[in-house]
Protein backbone atom coordinates (compact mmCIF):
# COMPACT_ATOMS: atom_id res chain seq x y z
CA UNK A 1 -106.84 -75.63 -192.72
CA UNK A 2 -105.17 -75.69 -189.32
CA UNK A 3 -106.56 -74.14 -186.19
CA UNK A 4 -104.53 -71.27 -184.75
CA UNK A 5 -103.63 -71.23 -181.10
CA UNK A 6 -104.71 -68.29 -178.96
CA UNK A 7 -101.97 -66.46 -177.08
CA UNK A 8 -102.93 -64.16 -174.24
CA UNK A 9 -101.53 -60.65 -174.33
CA UNK A 10 -98.64 -59.91 -171.98
CA UNK A 11 -98.90 -57.26 -169.28
CA UNK A 12 -96.68 -55.02 -171.46
CA UNK A 13 -99.08 -55.46 -174.40
CA UNK A 14 -102.08 -54.63 -172.20
CA UNK A 15 -100.28 -51.62 -170.75
CA UNK A 16 -99.63 -50.30 -174.26
CA UNK A 17 -103.24 -50.93 -175.25
CA UNK A 18 -104.46 -49.08 -172.13
CA UNK A 19 -102.27 -46.10 -173.06
CA UNK A 20 -103.49 -46.05 -176.66
CA UNK A 21 -107.14 -46.39 -175.60
CA UNK A 22 -106.77 -43.59 -173.04
CA UNK A 23 -105.22 -41.27 -175.63
CA UNK A 24 -108.03 -42.00 -178.11
CA UNK A 25 -110.73 -41.45 -175.45
CA UNK A 26 -109.21 -38.13 -174.44
CA UNK A 27 -108.28 -36.72 -177.85
CA UNK A 28 -111.11 -37.97 -180.00
CA UNK A 29 -114.01 -38.33 -177.57
CA UNK A 30 -113.17 -35.57 -175.05
CA UNK A 31 -113.35 -38.02 -172.16
CA UNK A 32 -111.07 -38.37 -169.15
CA UNK A 33 -109.36 -41.79 -169.02
CA UNK A 34 -107.08 -43.42 -166.47
CA UNK A 35 -106.05 -46.99 -165.62
CA UNK A 36 -108.28 -48.51 -162.95
CA UNK A 37 -107.11 -49.95 -159.66
CA UNK A 38 -107.91 -53.51 -158.63
CA UNK A 39 -111.10 -52.51 -156.77
CA UNK A 40 -112.53 -50.78 -159.86
CA UNK A 41 -111.46 -53.75 -161.98
CA UNK A 42 -113.32 -56.20 -159.76
CA UNK A 43 -116.40 -53.93 -159.75
CA UNK A 44 -116.27 -53.74 -163.55
CA UNK A 45 -116.23 -57.49 -163.98
CA UNK A 46 -119.25 -57.81 -161.65
CA UNK A 47 -121.16 -55.12 -163.58
CA UNK A 48 -120.34 -56.67 -166.96
CA UNK A 49 -121.52 -60.06 -165.78
CA UNK A 50 -124.80 -58.54 -164.61
CA UNK A 51 -125.50 -56.11 -167.44
CA UNK A 52 -125.58 -55.92 -171.21
CA UNK A 53 -122.59 -53.79 -172.17
CA UNK A 54 -121.51 -53.06 -175.71
CA UNK A 55 -118.66 -55.29 -176.84
CA UNK A 56 -116.61 -54.24 -179.88
CA UNK A 57 -113.98 -56.53 -181.38
CA UNK A 58 -111.45 -55.56 -184.04
CA UNK A 59 -109.44 -58.36 -185.63
CA UNK A 60 -106.06 -57.54 -187.14
CA UNK A 61 -103.48 -59.23 -189.37
CA UNK A 62 -99.85 -58.37 -189.94
CA UNK A 63 -96.55 -59.12 -188.20
CA UNK A 64 -98.80 -60.07 -185.27
CA UNK A 65 -102.38 -61.23 -185.75
CA UNK A 66 -105.24 -61.35 -183.30
CA UNK A 67 -108.10 -59.30 -181.95
CA UNK A 68 -108.74 -56.45 -179.52
CA UNK A 69 -112.04 -56.26 -177.65
CA UNK A 70 -113.46 -53.43 -175.60
CA UNK A 71 -116.40 -53.63 -173.22
CA UNK A 72 -118.27 -50.36 -172.70
CA UNK A 73 -121.21 -50.15 -170.28
CA UNK A 74 -124.41 -48.82 -171.88
CA UNK A 75 -124.52 -45.60 -169.86
CA UNK A 76 -120.99 -44.62 -170.86
CA UNK A 77 -121.55 -45.60 -174.50
CA UNK A 78 -124.64 -43.39 -174.67
CA UNK A 79 -122.88 -40.53 -172.84
CA UNK A 80 -119.93 -40.59 -175.27
CA UNK A 81 -122.21 -40.84 -178.29
CA UNK A 82 -124.29 -37.87 -177.11
CA UNK A 83 -121.16 -35.80 -176.49
CA UNK A 84 -119.70 -36.78 -179.85
CA UNK A 85 -122.92 -35.80 -181.63
CA UNK A 86 -123.17 -32.54 -179.68
CA UNK A 87 -126.38 -33.49 -177.87
CA UNK A 88 -127.22 -32.42 -174.33
CA UNK A 89 -127.31 -34.85 -171.41
CA UNK A 90 -131.11 -35.21 -171.51
CA UNK A 91 -130.90 -36.44 -175.12
CA UNK A 92 -128.81 -39.46 -174.11
CA UNK A 93 -131.81 -41.80 -174.05
CA UNK A 94 -132.86 -40.65 -177.53
CA UNK A 95 -129.60 -41.66 -179.22
CA UNK A 96 -130.25 -44.39 -181.76
CA UNK A 97 -128.79 -47.84 -181.15
CA UNK A 98 -126.95 -47.78 -184.48
CA UNK A 99 -125.17 -44.54 -183.54
CA UNK A 100 -124.04 -46.03 -180.22
CA UNK A 101 -122.80 -49.20 -181.94
CA UNK A 102 -120.93 -47.13 -184.53
CA UNK A 103 -119.24 -45.04 -181.84
CA UNK A 104 -118.16 -48.04 -179.74
CA UNK A 105 -116.84 -49.75 -182.87
CA UNK A 106 -114.92 -46.65 -183.91
CA UNK A 107 -113.36 -46.35 -180.43
CA UNK A 108 -112.15 -49.94 -180.69
CA UNK A 109 -110.87 -49.38 -184.23
CA UNK A 110 -108.97 -46.20 -183.35
CA UNK A 111 -107.44 -47.66 -180.17
CA UNK A 112 -106.38 -50.85 -181.96
CA UNK A 113 -104.78 -48.91 -184.82
CA UNK A 114 -102.99 -46.54 -182.47
CA UNK A 115 -101.69 -49.37 -180.30
CA UNK A 116 -100.50 -51.50 -183.24
CA UNK A 117 -98.72 -48.50 -184.77
CA UNK A 118 -96.77 -48.07 -181.54
CA UNK A 119 -95.77 -51.76 -181.51
CA UNK A 120 -94.55 -52.10 -185.06
CA UNK A 121 -94.03 -48.57 -186.43
CA UNK A 122 -92.57 -49.71 -189.76
CA UNK A 123 -95.08 -52.50 -190.37
CA UNK A 124 -98.51 -52.56 -191.95
CA UNK A 125 -101.52 -54.13 -190.27
CA UNK A 126 -104.88 -54.93 -191.80
CA UNK A 127 -107.78 -54.16 -189.45
CA UNK A 128 -111.16 -55.79 -189.96
CA UNK A 129 -114.38 -53.83 -189.60
CA UNK A 130 -115.35 -53.72 -185.90
CA UNK A 131 -117.96 -56.22 -184.77
CA UNK A 132 -120.22 -54.72 -182.11
CA UNK A 133 -122.81 -56.55 -180.06
CA UNK A 134 -124.61 -56.45 -176.73
CA UNK A 135 -123.35 -59.19 -174.49
CA UNK A 136 -123.80 -60.61 -171.06
CA UNK A 137 -120.84 -62.02 -169.21
CA UNK A 138 -117.99 -61.66 -171.69
CA UNK A 139 -115.48 -62.91 -169.13
CA UNK A 140 -114.43 -66.00 -171.11
CA UNK A 141 -111.85 -63.84 -172.89
CA UNK A 142 -108.98 -62.27 -171.10
CA UNK A 143 -106.96 -61.16 -169.38
CA UNK A 144 -108.80 -57.88 -169.08
CA UNK A 145 -107.35 -54.46 -168.39
CA UNK A 146 -109.74 -51.87 -167.02
CA UNK A 147 -109.70 -48.15 -167.79
CA UNK A 148 -111.89 -45.62 -166.03
CA UNK A 149 -113.48 -43.42 -168.70
CA UNK A 150 -115.26 -40.48 -167.09
CA UNK A 151 -115.16 -42.59 -163.93
CA UNK A 152 -116.87 -45.60 -165.53
CA UNK A 153 -114.99 -48.92 -165.84
CA UNK A 154 -114.31 -49.92 -169.44
CA UNK A 155 -112.61 -53.21 -170.33
CA UNK A 156 -109.84 -53.96 -172.82
CA UNK A 157 -108.66 -57.36 -173.94
CA UNK A 158 -106.20 -58.55 -176.56
CA UNK A 159 -105.50 -62.04 -177.81
CA UNK A 160 -103.02 -63.03 -180.48
CA UNK A 161 -103.48 -65.94 -182.85
CA UNK A 162 -100.50 -68.09 -183.72
CA UNK A 163 -97.09 -66.61 -183.14
CA UNK A 164 -95.14 -63.67 -184.45
CA UNK A 165 -94.41 -63.96 -188.12
C-alpha cells in the first residue's frame, strides 16, 4: 500500500467551496453567510486556537479524492442547531451535544456534496459519513477560507489526495 500525497486546494477550489457552503447555510439553515475579509480571518484563527470549536470532516472519492473540513465555533453551532430544531434562543444551552454534532456534520456533508457537484457535474463521488469532533488548534490543515455565518467566523478547508484520476 502506497501513501498518497496531500495536495492543497487552489484558491479557485476554495472560492467554489465558500460559495457552496454559503448557499447551504442560507437555504438549509436560514443563516446569513458571506466571505470574510482578512481581519475576520485572522480573528477566526486566533479564536479557533484558543477555543474548542466543532470540526467536521467529510472524505470523498471519485474523479478527485480528498477531504473537506469545516470549523464551527460552539456558539454558532448551538445557535444553528436551536434554529434548525425550532427552539428559542434561551434553549440554546439545552441542546444536546449529539444534536449539535449531527448538525455540524450535516452542514459539512451538504456543502461538500454541493461543491463537488459543481466541479464535476457528470461524475459520481462517494462521500464518507462526516467525522465530527471538538478540537483545539486545528491550524495544521490548510489553507483555510473563512465565511462569516450570522457574523461568526467559520472555517473551510479542502485537501486532495493523490492527483486527478
